[in-house]
Amino acid sequence: MVDKVYTTPRLLIDSPMPGSGKTTVLEHIQRLGFRPMQAASLSSPALLARVIDQGVRTICIDECDRNLDPKREGVGELVAVINSGYKRGATRPVLVQVRGSEWEVSEMSTFAPIAMAGNQPDLPDDTRSRTLRVLLMPDLDGTVEESDWEQIEPNAADLKALIEEWAANYGEAVAGASGELPGEVKGRARERWKPLKKVAQAVGYGWPEKVDELAMRDLERESLEREDGAVRDKPAIVALKDVMTVWPEGREHLTSETLVRFLIAESPEQWGATSSYGRALTPQRLGRMLSSNFGIHTGKTSTGERVYFHAAFLTVWGRLGVKPPRASTPSTPSGGTA
């Protein structure tokens, strides 16, 4: 079905502890997936791109908590291939030897389905945003049947043949399906769930409704994780939201020094001297975060004073889906007037 859709979400088989069946799930995927390849130890991003460029394959990465550890050399480039390859048309430049000692650059495809398994791997946020997570727990009650491949291999082969037959007959139905999802499922979440919805529409039998339900639960999980602090915004995002919180109602502009005092008074653990950054927020650091990330700069008043204008934040706040506060004006922190 990967040839019939535009995106292919990464599958993360996750668990807080070993012995939960993650490798077993990958073994089943290797029996049932499209041209599967076990990639327990990928030596380089170029190797992965070369493999995929020869034809789409299902890449299975076990122990990704170690194999994709950001501290390992070259993992950053490997993760970049994993990130880009979830969308059709993605490529990576690779040096290819053409004749003798001459080399030329070849754009190789990175578009392929990927399943990863690991114990709570430290994946970057942009990778997680492309991922559907399956959380496994250990079978402490002994109710799960063992995957005895010596016994069930023939059954797996028969099942794969049935899947291939279905895919051959319904591929065009999947390609032509709308993939429409609930209106709340937008952006990257929509890209994750739309391929599954297209397949579900071709299958019928209640599966489209099940995909809608799972997509909405996925959004709810993300929201709860953010509220619980499991997902942390980048400092620039936090700063922008905190500026919205502390900005006094009715004020058209504030100096950067005043804005910094407000921020430290509102959230000393985030912006004060005891913050994880190691020192208190300064106007210069605030300026770098706002300008480089959001294009918000100070401007001059009619008297020549450099200030931040409230109007400069409104569009960016709107893009974040939050509204400017209407609460009463906060009290002025000590050390100066607003």
C-alpha atoms as a PDB file:
ATOM      1  CA  MET A   1       0.000   0.000   0.000  1.00  0.00           C
ATOM      2  CA  VAL A   2       2.977   2.329   0.410  1.00  0.00           C
ATOM      3  CA  ASP A   3       2.919   2.898  -3.358  1.00  0.00           C
ATOM      4  CA  LYS A   4      -0.694   4.112  -3.102  1.00  0.00           C
ATOM      5  CA  VAL A   5      -0.272   6.744  -0.370  1.00  0.00           C
ATOM      6  CA  TYR A   6       1.687   9.980   0.040  1.00  0.00           C
ATOM      7  CA  THR A   7       3.058   9.457   3.548  1.00  0.00           C
ATOM      8  CA  THR A   8       4.034   6.412   5.565  1.00  0.00           C
ATOM      9  CA  PRO A   9       4.138   7.026   9.337  1.00  0.00           C
ATOM     10  CA  ARG A  10       6.963   5.517  11.352  1.00  0.00           C
ATOM     11  CA  LEU A  11       5.868   2.797  13.741  1.00  0.00           C
ATOM     12  CA  LEU A  12       7.415   2.887  17.224  1.00  0.00           C
ATOM     13  CA  ILE A  13       7.012  -0.294  19.251  1.00  0.00           C
ATOM     14  CA  ASP A  14       7.796   1.054  22.687  1.00  0.00           C
ATOM     15  CA  SER A  15       8.023  -0.237  26.243  1.00  0.00           C
ATOM     16  CA  PRO A  16       9.351   1.035  29.576  1.00  0.00           C
ATOM     17  CA  MET A  17      11.109  -2.290  30.211  1.00  0.00           C
ATOM     18  CA  PRO A  18      12.603  -5.273  28.391  1.00  0.00           C
ATOM     19  CA  GLY A  19      10.750  -8.528  27.922  1.00  0.00           C
ATOM     20  CA  SER A  20       7.565  -6.916  26.626  1.00  0.00           C
ATOM     21  CA  GLY A  21       7.549  -8.484  23.158  1.00  0.00           C
ATOM     22  CA  LYS A  22       8.963  -5.653  21.042  1.00  0.00           C
ATOM     23  CA  THR A  23      11.372  -7.855  19.093  1.00  0.00           C
ATOM     24  CA  THR A  24       8.612 -10.428  18.630  1.00  0.00           C
ATOM     25  CA  VAL A  25       6.374  -7.798  17.024  1.00  0.00           C
ATOM     26  CA  LEU A  26       9.208  -6.888  14.651  1.00  0.00           C
ATOM     27  CA  GLU A  27       9.592 -10.572  13.795  1.00  0.00           C
ATOM     28  CA  HIS A  28       5.918 -10.707  12.804  1.00  0.00           C
ATOM     29  CA  ILE A  29       6.332  -7.557  10.701  1.00  0.00           C
ATOM     30  CA  GLN A  30       9.316  -9.177   8.974  1.00  0.00           C
ATOM     31  CA  ARG A  31       7.078 -12.101   7.999  1.00  0.00           C
ATOM     32  CA  LEU A  32       4.153  -9.970   6.841  1.00  0.00           C
ATOM     33  CA  GLY A  33       5.644  -6.658   5.692  1.00  0.00           C
ATOM     34  CA  PHE A  34       6.560  -5.566   2.160  1.00  0.00           C
ATOM     35  CA  ARG A  35      10.134  -6.625   1.295  1.00  0.00           C
ATOM     36  CA  PRO A  36      11.271  -6.401   4.940  1.00  0.00           C
ATOM     37  CA  MET A  37      14.874  -5.755   5.930  1.00  0.00           C
ATOM     38  CA  GLN A  38      16.299  -6.194   9.416  1.00  0.00           C
ATOM     39  CA  ALA A  39      18.556  -3.256  10.169  1.00  0.00           C
ATOM     40  CA  ALA A  40      19.700  -3.841  13.741  1.00  0.00           C
ATOM     41  CA  SER A  41      22.965  -1.977  13.121  1.00  0.00           C
ATOM     42  CA  LEU A  42      22.834   0.491  10.267  1.00  0.00           C
ATOM     43  CA  SER A  43      26.384   1.503   9.470  1.00  0.00           C
ATOM     44  CA  SER A  44      25.602   4.769   7.676  1.00  0.00           C
ATOM     45  CA  PRO A  45      22.801   6.974   6.336  1.00  0.00           C
ATOM     46  CA  ALA A  46      24.202   6.440   2.834  1.00  0.00           C
ATOM     47  CA  LEU A  47      23.754   2.682   3.174  1.00  0.00           C
ATOM     48  CA  LEU A  48      20.110   3.086   4.138  1.00  0.00           C
ATOM     49  CA  ALA A  49      19.499   5.424   1.195  1.00  0.00           C
ATOM     50  CA  ARG A  50      21.237   3.008  -1.213  1.00  0.00           C
ATOM     51  CA  VAL A  51      19.070   0.113  -0.027  1.00  0.00           C
ATOM     52  CA  ILE A  52      15.818   2.062  -0.348  1.00  0.00           C
ATOM     53  CA  ASP A  53      16.783   3.547  -3.718  1.00  0.00           C
ATOM     54  CA  GLN A  54      16.870   0.039  -5.185  1.00  0.00           C
ATOM     55  CA  GLY A  55      13.164  -0.309  -4.368  1.00  0.00           C
ATOM     56  CA  VAL A  56      10.883   0.434  -1.441  1.00  0.00           C
ATOM     57  CA  ARG A  57      11.451  -1.892   1.497  1.00  0.00           C
ATOM     58  CA  THR A  58      10.081  -2.165   5.026  1.00  0.00           C
ATOM     59  CA  ILE A  59      12.964  -1.205   7.317  1.00  0.00           C
ATOM     60  CA  CYS A  60      12.885  -2.855  10.769  1.00  0.00           C
ATOM     61  CA  ILE A  61      15.154  -1.294  13.400  1.00  0.00           C
ATOM     62  CA  ASP A  62      15.421  -3.229  16.664  1.00  0.00           C
ATOM     63  CA  GLU A  63      16.917  -1.810  19.863  1.00  0.00           C
ATOM     64  CA  CYS A  64      16.489   1.713  18.516  1.00  0.00           C
ATOM     65  CA  ASP A  65      17.139   3.078  22.016  1.00  0.00           C
ATOM     66  CA  ARG A  66      20.769   2.113  21.333  1.00  0.00           C
ATOM     67  CA  ASN A  67      20.989   2.149  17.529  1.00  0.00           C
ATOM     68  CA  LEU A  68      19.428   5.632  17.324  1.00  0.00           C
ATOM     69  CA  ASP A  69      21.039   7.036  20.466  1.00  0.00           C
ATOM     70  CA  PRO A  70      21.685  10.726  19.690  1.00  0.00           C
ATOM     71  CA  LYS A  71      25.077  10.453  21.407  1.00  0.00           C
ATOM     72  CA  ARG A  72      26.306   7.968  18.795  1.00  0.00           C
ATOM     73  CA  GLU A  73      28.339   9.343  15.912  1.00  0.00           C
ATOM     74  CA  GLY A  74      26.378   9.686  12.669  1.00  0.00           C
ATOM     75  CA  VAL A  75      22.977   9.100  14.251  1.00  0.00           C
ATOM     76  CA  GLY A  76      21.868  12.657  13.481  1.00  0.00           C
ATOM     77  CA  GLU A  77      22.218  12.061   9.729  1.00  0.00           C
ATOM     78  CA  LEU A  78      20.534   8.669  10.032  1.00  0.00           C
ATOM     79  CA  VAL A  79      17.571  10.208  11.849  1.00  0.00           C
ATOM     80  CA  ALA A  80      17.382  12.861   9.113  1.00  0.00           C
ATOM     81  CA  VAL A  81      16.910  10.071   6.539  1.00  0.00           C
ATOM     82  CA  ILE A  82      14.239   8.463   8.736  1.00  0.00           C
ATOM     83  CA  ASN A  83      12.457  11.805   9.064  1.00  0.00           C
ATOM     84  CA  SER A  84      12.541  12.770   5.398  1.00  0.00           C
ATOM     85  CA  GLY A  85      11.614   9.333   4.091  1.00  0.00           C
ATOM     86  CA  TYR A  86       8.126   9.328   5.547  1.00  0.00           C
ATOM     87  CA  LYS A  87       6.903  11.448   2.632  1.00  0.00           C
ATOM     88  CA  ARG A  88       6.904  10.519  -1.050  1.00  0.00           C
ATOM     89  CA  GLY A  89       9.552  12.268  -3.150  1.00  0.00           C
ATOM     90  CA  ALA A  90      12.099  12.622  -0.341  1.00  0.00           C
ATOM     91  CA  THR A  91      15.724  12.072  -1.380  1.00  0.00           C
ATOM     92  CA  ARG A  92      19.231  12.218   0.023  1.00  0.00           C
ATOM     93  CA  PRO A  93      22.372  13.157  -1.934  1.00  0.00           C
ATOM     94  CA  VAL A  94      24.847  10.248  -2.008  1.00  0.00           C
ATOM     95  CA  LEU A  95      28.284  10.108  -3.632  1.00  0.00           C
ATOM     96  CA  VAL A  96      28.451   7.366  -6.275  1.00  0.00           C
ATOM     97  CA  GLN A  97      31.611   6.150  -7.993  1.00  0.00           C
ATOM     98  CA  VAL A  98      31.066   6.305 -11.756  1.00  0.00           C
ATOM     99  CA  ARG A  99      34.359   5.514 -13.442  1.00  0.00           C
ATOM    100  CA  GLY A 100      37.783   4.963 -12.069  1.00  0.00           C
ATOM    101  CA  SER A 101      38.297   7.296  -9.154  1.00  0.00           C
ATOM    102  CA  GLU A 102      35.615   9.765 -10.243  1.00  0.00           C
ATOM    103  CA  TRP A 103      32.558  10.382  -8.106  1.00  0.00           C
ATOM    104  CA  GLU A 104      29.288  12.134  -8.723  1.00  0.00           C
ATOM    105  CA  VAL A 105      26.316  13.074  -6.566  1.00  0.00           C
ATOM    106  CA  SER A 106      23.169  10.971  -6.951  1.00  0.00           C
ATOM    107  CA  GLU A 107      19.833  11.885  -5.384  1.00  0.00           C
ATOM    108  CA  MET A 108      18.597   8.647  -3.816  1.00  0.00           C
ATOM    109  CA  SER A 109      15.077   8.045  -2.557  1.00  0.00           C
ATOM    110  CA  THR A 110      14.487   7.699   1.196  1.00  0.00           C
ATOM    111  CA  PHE A 111      10.730   7.001   0.996  1.00  0.00           C
ATOM    112  CA  ALA A 112      10.000   3.762   2.846  1.00  0.00           C
ATOM    113  CA  PRO A 113       7.960   2.375   5.759  1.00  0.00           C
ATOM    114  CA  ILE A 114       9.972   2.009   8.955  1.00  0.00           C
ATOM    115  CA  ALA A 115       9.197   0.082  12.151  1.00  0.00           C
ATOM    116  CA  MET A 116      11.345   0.748  15.227  1.00  0.00           C
ATOM    117  CA  ALA A 117      11.422  -1.100  18.534  1.00  0.00           C
ATOM    118  CA  GLY A 118      13.107  -0.031  21.759  1.00  0.00           C
ATOM    119  CA  ASN A 119      12.838   0.722  25.451  1.00  0.00           C
ATOM    120  CA  GLN A 120      11.695   4.359  25.556  1.00  0.00           C
ATOM    121  CA  PRO A 121      14.184   5.578  22.912  1.00  0.00           C
ATOM    122  CA  ASP A 122      15.360   9.180  23.051  1.00  0.00           C
ATOM    123  CA  LEU A 123      13.966  10.203  19.680  1.00  0.00           C
ATOM    124  CA  PRO A 124      13.919  13.857  18.555  1.00  0.00           C
ATOM    125  CA  ASP A 125      10.581  15.678  18.616  1.00  0.00           C
ATOM    126  CA  ASP A 126      10.441  15.894  14.812  1.00  0.00           C
ATOM    127  CA  THR A 127      10.841  12.115  14.598  1.00  0.00           C
ATOM    128  CA  ARG A 128       8.141  11.480  17.201  1.00  0.00           C
ATOM    129  CA  SER A 129       5.781  13.787  15.326  1.00  0.00           C
ATOM    130  CA  ARG A 130       6.027  11.373  12.373  1.00  0.00           C
ATOM    131  CA  THR A 131       5.491   8.315  14.554  1.00  0.00           C
ATOM    132  CA  LEU A 132       2.597   6.134  15.644  1.00  0.00           C
ATOM    133  CA  ARG A 133       3.411   4.614  19.027  1.00  0.00           C
ATOM    134  CA  VAL A 134       2.422   1.133  20.190  1.00  0.00           C
ATOM    135  CA  LEU A 135       3.045   0.731  23.926  1.00  0.00           C
ATOM    136  CA  LEU A 136       3.725  -2.817  25.157  1.00  0.00           C
ATOM    137  CA  MET A 137       3.810  -4.167  28.712  1.00  0.00           C
ATOM    138  CA  PRO A 138       5.269  -7.487  29.944  1.00  0.00           C
ATOM    139  CA  ASP A 139       2.986 -10.511  29.943  1.00  0.00           C
ATOM    140  CA  LEU A 140       3.144 -11.227  33.670  1.00  0.00           C
ATOM    141  CA  ASP A 141       0.108 -13.532  33.587  1.00  0.00           C
ATOM    142  CA  GLY A 142       1.427 -15.847  30.879  1.00  0.00           C
ATOM    143  CA  THR A 143      -1.678 -15.394  28.726  1.00  0.00           C
ATOM    144  CA  VAL A 144       0.144 -14.551  25.478  1.00  0.00           C
ATOM    145  CA  GLU A 145       0.991 -17.428  23.169  1.00  0.00           C
ATOM    146  CA  GLU A 146       4.637 -17.913  22.277  1.00  0.00           C
ATOM    147  CA  SER A 147       5.657 -17.105  18.685  1.00  0.00           C
ATOM    148  CA  ASP A 148       7.158 -20.489  17.915  1.00  0.00           C
ATOM    149  CA  TRP A 149       8.296 -19.817  14.358  1.00  0.00           C
ATOM    150  CA  GLU A 150       9.175 -23.455  13.790  1.00  0.00           C
ATOM    151  CA  GLN A 151       5.467 -24.172  14.204  1.00  0.00           C
ATOM    152  CA  ILE A 152       3.757 -21.046  12.819  1.00  0.00           C
ATOM    153  CA  GLU A 153       6.048 -20.125   9.893  1.00  0.00           C
ATOM    154  CA  PRO A 154       3.758 -21.864   7.338  1.00  0.00           C
ATOM    155  CA  ASN A 155       0.726 -20.022   8.714  1.00  0.00           C
ATOM    156  CA  ALA A 156       2.585 -16.719   8.484  1.00  0.00           C
ATOM    157  CA  ALA A 157       3.463 -17.440   4.857  1.00  0.00           C
ATOM    158  CA  ASP A 158      -0.187 -18.219   4.063  1.00  0.00           C
ATOM    159  CA  LEU A 159      -1.314 -15.022   5.764  1.00  0.00           C
ATOM    160  CA  LYS A 160       1.221 -12.944   3.834  1.00  0.00           C
ATOM    161  CA  ALA A 161      -0.055 -14.448   0.571  1.00  0.00           C
ATOM    162  CA  LEU A 162      -3.611 -13.400   1.503  1.00  0.00           C
ATOM    163  CA  ILE A 163      -2.428  -9.873   2.326  1.00  0.00           C
ATOM    164  CA  GLU A 164      -0.595  -9.625  -1.004  1.00  0.00           C
ATOM    165  CA  GLU A 165      -3.696 -10.810  -2.854  1.00  0.00           C
ATOM    166  CA  TRP A 166      -5.863  -8.230  -1.100  1.00  0.00           C
ATOM    167  CA  ALA A 167      -3.344  -5.473  -1.825  1.00  0.00           C
ATOM    168  CA  ALA A 168      -3.278  -6.383  -5.513  1.00  0.00           C
ATOM    169  CA  ASN A 169      -7.068  -6.254  -5.736  1.00  0.00           C
ATOM    170  CA  TYR A 170      -7.681  -3.137  -3.641  1.00  0.00           C
ATOM    171  CA  GLY A 171      -4.647  -0.987  -4.340  1.00  0.00           C
ATOM    172  CA  GLU A 172      -6.523   1.381  -6.642  1.00  0.00           C
ATOM    173  CA  ALA A 173      -9.367   1.663  -4.119  1.00  0.00           C
ATOM    174  CA  VAL A 174      -6.822   2.792  -1.516  1.00  0.00           C
ATOM    175  CA  ALA A 175      -5.238   5.265  -3.936  1.00  0.00           C
ATOM    176  CA  GLY A 176      -8.645   6.762  -4.736  1.00  0.00           C
ATOM    177  CA  ALA A 177      -9.942   6.929  -1.149  1.00  0.00           C
ATOM    178  CA  SER A 178     -10.364  10.393   0.349  1.00  0.00           C
ATOM    179  CA  GLY A 179      -8.626   9.635   3.637  1.00  0.00           C
ATOM    180  CA  GLU A 180     -10.817  12.275   5.264  1.00  0.00           C
ATOM    181  CA  LEU A 181     -10.315  12.553   9.026  1.00  0.00           C
ATOM    182  CA  PRO A 182     -12.089  14.465  11.829  1.00  0.00           C
ATOM    183  CA  GLY A 183     -11.543  18.209  11.528  1.00  0.00           C
ATOM    184  CA  GLU A 184      -9.417  18.309  14.684  1.00  0.00           C
ATOM    185  CA  VAL A 185      -6.784  16.058  13.077  1.00  0.00           C
ATOM    186  CA  LYS A 186      -4.541  18.556  11.297  1.00  0.00           C
ATOM    187  CA  GLY A 187      -0.971  19.091  10.153  1.00  0.00           C
ATOM    188  CA  ARG A 188       1.505  16.353  10.997  1.00  0.00           C
ATOM    189  CA  ALA A 189      -1.185  14.328  12.807  1.00  0.00           C
ATOM    190  CA  ARG A 190      -3.217  14.278   9.608  1.00  0.00           C
ATOM    191  CA  GLU A 191      -0.174  13.061   7.655  1.00  0.00           C
ATOM    192  CA  ARG A 192       0.304  10.259  10.181  1.00  0.00           C
ATOM    193  CA  TRP A 193      -3.253   8.980  10.095  1.00  0.00           C
ATOM    194  CA  LYS A 194      -4.381   9.630   6.516  1.00  0.00           C
ATOM    195  CA  PRO A 195      -2.662   6.537   4.996  1.00  0.00           C
ATOM    196  CA  LEU A 196      -4.353   4.307   7.571  1.00  0.00           C
ATOM    197  CA  LYS A 197      -7.703   5.966   6.918  1.00  0.00           C
ATOM    198  CA  LYS A 198      -7.369   5.386   3.162  1.00  0.00           C
ATOM    199  CA  VAL A 199      -6.689   1.682   3.733  1.00  0.00           C
ATOM    200  CA  ALA A 200      -9.539   1.505   6.269  1.00  0.00           C
ATOM    201  CA  GLN A 201     -11.956   3.033   3.747  1.00  0.00           C
ATOM    202  CA  ALA A 202     -11.032   0.322   1.256  1.00  0.00           C
ATOM    203  CA  VAL A 203     -11.538  -2.365   3.900  1.00  0.00           C
ATOM    204  CA  GLY A 204     -14.807  -1.057   5.346  1.00  0.00           C
ATOM    205  CA  TYR A 205     -16.443  -3.126   8.109  1.00  0.00           C
ATOM    206  CA  GLY A 206     -16.147  -0.397  10.755  1.00  0.00           C
ATOM    207  CA  TRP A 207     -12.447   0.244  10.227  1.00  0.00           C
ATOM    208  CA  PRO A 208     -12.839   3.877   9.061  1.00  0.00           C
ATOM    209  CA  GLU A 209     -14.605   4.691  12.339  1.00  0.00           C
ATOM    210  CA  LYS A 210     -11.895   2.873  14.284  1.00  0.00           C
ATOM    211  CA  VAL A 211      -9.154   4.941  12.626  1.00  0.00           C
ATOM    212  CA  ASP A 212     -11.045   8.161  13.450  1.00  0.00           C
ATOM    213  CA  GLU A 213     -11.324   7.026  17.074  1.00  0.00           C
ATOM    214  CA  LEU A 214      -7.622   6.184  17.305  1.00  0.00           C
ATOM    215  CA  ALA A 215      -6.596   9.479  15.693  1.00  0.00           C
ATOM    216  CA  MET A 216      -8.660  11.451  18.207  1.00  0.00           C
ATOM    217  CA  ARG A 217      -7.228   9.431  21.091  1.00  0.00           C
ATOM    218  CA  ASP A 218      -3.754  10.150  19.730  1.00  0.00           C
ATOM    219  CA  LEU A 219      -4.463  13.894  19.857  1.00  0.00           C
ATOM    220  CA  GLU A 220      -5.798  13.567  23.398  1.00  0.00           C
ATOM    221  CA  ARG A 221      -2.677  11.668  24.462  1.00  0.00           C
ATOM    222  CA  GLU A 222      -0.431  14.392  23.043  1.00  0.00           C
ATOM    223  CA  SER A 223      -2.422  17.054  24.881  1.00  0.00           C
ATOM    224  CA  LEU A 224      -2.248  15.180  28.199  1.00  0.00           C
ATOM    225  CA  GLU A 225       1.486  14.537  27.830  1.00  0.00           C
ATOM    226  CA  ARG A 226       2.049  18.231  27.244  1.00  0.00           C
ATOM    227  CA  GLU A 227      -0.024  19.144  30.296  1.00  0.00           C
ATOM    228  CA  ASP A 228       1.853  16.618  32.434  1.00  0.00           C
ATOM    229  CA  GLY A 229       5.214  17.951  31.293  1.00  0.00           C
ATOM    230  CA  ALA A 230       6.135  14.780  29.388  1.00  0.00           C
ATOM    231  CA  VAL A 231       6.451  16.914  26.265  1.00  0.00           C
ATOM    232  CA  ARG A 232       8.365  20.148  26.726  1.00  0.00           C
ATOM    233  CA  ASP A 233       8.201  23.119  24.423  1.00  0.00           C
ATOM    234  CA  LYS A 234      11.432  24.648  23.223  1.00  0.00           C
ATOM    235  CA  PRO A 235      12.529  27.694  25.255  1.00  0.00           C
ATOM    236  CA  ALA A 236      11.543  30.072  22.452  1.00  0.00           C
ATOM    237  CA  ILE A 237       7.977  28.695  22.429  1.00  0.00           C
ATOM    238  CA  VAL A 238       7.799  28.931  26.225  1.00  0.00           C
ATOM    239  CA  ALA A 239       9.036  32.526  26.074  1.00  0.00           C
ATOM    240  CA  LEU A 240       6.438  33.481  23.484  1.00  0.00           C
ATOM    241  CA  LYS A 241       3.610  31.968  25.538  1.00  0.00           C
ATOM    242  CA  ASP A 242       4.883  33.549  28.750  1.00  0.00           C
ATOM    243  CA  VAL A 243       5.062  36.960  27.081  1.00  0.00           C
ATOM    244  CA  MET A 244       1.383  36.540  26.253  1.00  0.00           C
ATOM    245  CA  THR A 245       0.651  35.747  29.899  1.00  0.00           C
ATOM    246  CA  VAL A 246       2.539  38.672  31.438  1.00  0.00           C
ATOM    247  CA  TRP A 247       1.738  41.405  28.927  1.00  0.00           C
ATOM    248  CA  PRO A 248      -0.334  44.067  30.736  1.00  0.00           C
ATOM    249  CA  GLU A 249      -3.779  44.637  29.282  1.00  0.00           C
ATOM    250  CA  GLY A 250      -4.040  47.830  27.308  1.00  0.00           C
ATOM    251  CA  ARG A 251      -0.285  48.374  26.901  1.00  0.00           C
ATOM    252  CA  GLU A 252       0.824  48.970  23.309  1.00  0.00           C
ATOM    253  CA  HIS A 253       4.531  48.463  23.937  1.00  0.00           C
ATOM    254  CA  LEU A 254       7.105  47.453  26.546  1.00  0.00           C
ATOM    255  CA  THR A 255      10.862  47.827  26.739  1.00  0.00           C
ATOM    256  CA  SER A 256      12.841  44.601  26.581  1.00  0.00           C
ATOM    257  CA  GLU A 257      14.172  45.217  30.100  1.00  0.00           C
ATOM    258  CA  THR A 258      10.628  45.549  31.466  1.00  0.00           C
ATOM    259  CA  LEU A 259       9.452  42.472  29.608  1.00  0.00           C
ATOM    260  CA  VAL A 260      12.364  40.461  31.013  1.00  0.00           C
ATOM    261  CA  ARG A 261      11.495  41.584  34.566  1.00  0.00           C
ATOM    262  CA  PHE A 262       7.900  40.504  34.044  1.00  0.00           C
ATOM    263  CA  LEU A 263       8.988  37.095  32.758  1.00  0.00           C
ATOM    264  CA  ILE A 264      11.382  36.447  35.661  1.00  0.00           C
ATOM    265  CA  ALA A 265       8.751  37.512  38.196  1.00  0.00           C
ATOM    266  CA  GLU A 266       6.118  35.287  36.586  1.00  0.00           C
ATOM    267  CA  SER A 267       8.307  32.173  36.209  1.00  0.00           C
ATOM    268  CA  PRO A 268      11.605  32.379  38.122  1.00  0.00           C
ATOM    269  CA  GLU A 269      12.235  28.639  37.734  1.00  0.00           C
ATOM    270  CA  GLN A 270      12.140  29.097  33.941  1.00  0.00           C
ATOM    271  CA  TRP A 271      13.767  32.496  33.518  1.00  0.00           C
ATOM    272  CA  GLY A 272      15.510  33.318  36.834  1.00  0.00           C
ATOM    273  CA  ALA A 273      19.082  32.790  37.989  1.00  0.00           C
ATOM    274  CA  THR A 274      18.254  29.262  39.211  1.00  0.00           C
ATOM    275  CA  SER A 275      16.860  28.130  35.841  1.00  0.00           C
ATOM    276  CA  SER A 276      18.294  25.149  33.975  1.00  0.00           C
ATOM    277  CA  TYR A 277      19.989  27.644  31.647  1.00  0.00           C
ATOM    278  CA  GLY A 278      22.293  28.554  34.550  1.00  0.00           C
ATOM    279  CA  ARG A 279      21.639  32.282  34.678  1.00  0.00           C
ATOM    280  CA  ALA A 280      18.788  34.740  34.484  1.00  0.00           C
ATOM    281  CA  LEU A 281      17.167  35.767  31.229  1.00  0.00           C
ATOM    282  CA  THR A 282      18.641  38.872  29.594  1.00  0.00           C
ATOM    283  CA  PRO A 283      17.154  41.236  27.008  1.00  0.00           C
ATOM    284  CA  GLN A 284      19.772  40.005  24.542  1.00  0.00           C
ATOM    285  CA  ARG A 285      18.802  36.328  24.941  1.00  0.00           C
ATOM    286  CA  LEU A 286      15.106  37.160  24.739  1.00  0.00           C
ATOM    287  CA  GLY A 287      15.769  39.156  21.586  1.00  0.00           C
ATOM    288  CA  ARG A 288      17.623  36.257  19.954  1.00  0.00           C
ATOM    289  CA  MET A 289      14.807  33.812  20.729  1.00  0.00           C
ATOM    290  CA  LEU A 290      12.062  36.089  19.441  1.00  0.00           C
ATOM    291  CA  SER A 291      13.851  37.310  16.315  1.00  0.00           C
ATOM    292  CA  SER A 292      15.456  34.098  15.073  1.00  0.00           C
ATOM    293  CA  ASN A 293      12.412  31.898  15.726  1.00  0.00           C
ATOM    294  CA  PHE A 294       9.455  34.195  15.058  1.00  0.00           C
ATOM    295  CA  GLY A 295      10.770  37.279  13.299  1.00  0.00           C
ATOM    296  CA  ILE A 296       9.684  39.520  16.175  1.00  0.00           C
ATOM    297  CA  HIS A 297      11.984  42.526  16.602  1.00  0.00           C
ATOM    298  CA  THR A 298      11.996  45.671  18.656  1.00  0.00           C
ATOM    299  CA  GLY A 299      10.872  48.911  17.066  1.00  0.00           C
ATOM    300  CA  LYS A 300      11.125  52.599  17.865  1.00  0.00           C
ATOM    301  CA  THR A 301       8.464  54.744  19.471  1.00  0.00           C
ATOM    302  CA  SER A 302       7.846  58.346  18.415  1.00  0.00           C
ATOM    303  CA  THR A 303      10.392  59.405  21.045  1.00  0.00           C
ATOM    304  CA  GLY A 304      13.048  57.027  19.705  1.00  0.00           C
ATOM    305  CA  GLU A 305      12.796  54.472  22.501  1.00  0.00           C
ATOM    306  CA  ARG A 306      13.330  50.848  21.405  1.00  0.00           C
ATOM    307  CA  VAL A 307      10.446  48.640  22.532  1.00  0.00           C
ATOM    308  CA  TYR A 308       8.475  45.525  21.703  1.00  0.00           C
ATOM    309  CA  PHE A 309       5.085  46.359  20.235  1.00  0.00           C
ATOM    310  CA  HIS A 310       2.105  44.265  21.308  1.00  0.00           C
ATOM    311  CA  ALA A 311       0.838  44.141  17.723  1.00  0.00           C
ATOM    312  CA  ALA A 312       4.004  42.295  16.605  1.00  0.00           C
ATOM    313  CA  PHE A 313       3.047  39.311  18.775  1.00  0.00           C
ATOM    314  CA  LEU A 314      -0.606  39.002  17.773  1.00  0.00           C
ATOM    315  CA  THR A 315      -0.140  37.094  14.514  1.00  0.00           C
ATOM    316  CA  VAL A 316       2.365  34.660  16.029  1.00  0.00           C
ATOM    317  CA  TRP A 317       0.129  34.036  19.061  1.00  0.00           C
ATOM    318  CA  GLY A 318      -2.699  33.306  16.672  1.00  0.00           C
ATOM    319  CA  ARG A 319      -0.575  30.770  14.786  1.00  0.00           C
ATOM    320  CA  LEU A 320       0.060  28.997  18.076  1.00  0.00           C
ATOM    321  CA  GLY A 321      -3.676  28.711  18.638  1.00  0.00           C
ATOM    322  CA  VAL A 322      -3.728  30.891  21.750  1.00  0.00           C
ATOM    323  CA  LYS A 323      -5.448  34.184  22.401  1.00  0.00           C
ATOM    324  CA  PRO A 324      -4.001  37.257  24.102  1.00  0.00           C
ATOM    325  CA  PRO A 325      -4.986  37.400  27.786  1.00  0.00           C
ATOM    326  CA  ARG A 326      -7.874  39.540  28.986  1.00  0.00           C
ATOM    327  CA  ALA A 327      -7.022  39.253  32.644  1.00  0.00           C
ATOM    328  CA  SER A 328      -6.294  42.258  34.810  1.00  0.00           C
ATOM    329  CA  THR A 329      -2.906  43.942  34.543  1.00  0.00           C
ATOM    330  CA  PRO A 330      -0.261  42.057  36.538  1.00  0.00           C
ATOM    331  CA  SER A 331       1.493  43.860  39.326  1.00  0.00           C
ATOM    332  CA  THR A 332       4.781  45.542  38.419  1.00  0.00           C
ATOM    333  CA  PRO A 333       7.832  43.593  39.566  1.00  0.00           C
ATOM    334  CA  SER A 334      10.232  45.292  41.898  1.00  0.00           C
ATOM    335  CA  GLY A 335      13.191  47.081  40.423  1.00  0.00           C
ATOM    336  CA  GLY A 336      11.472  49.531  38.110  1.00  0.00           C
ATOM    337  CA  THR A 337       8.235  50.722  36.558  1.00  0.00           C
ATOM    338  CA  ALA A 338       6.574  49.464  33.420  1.00  0.00           C
END
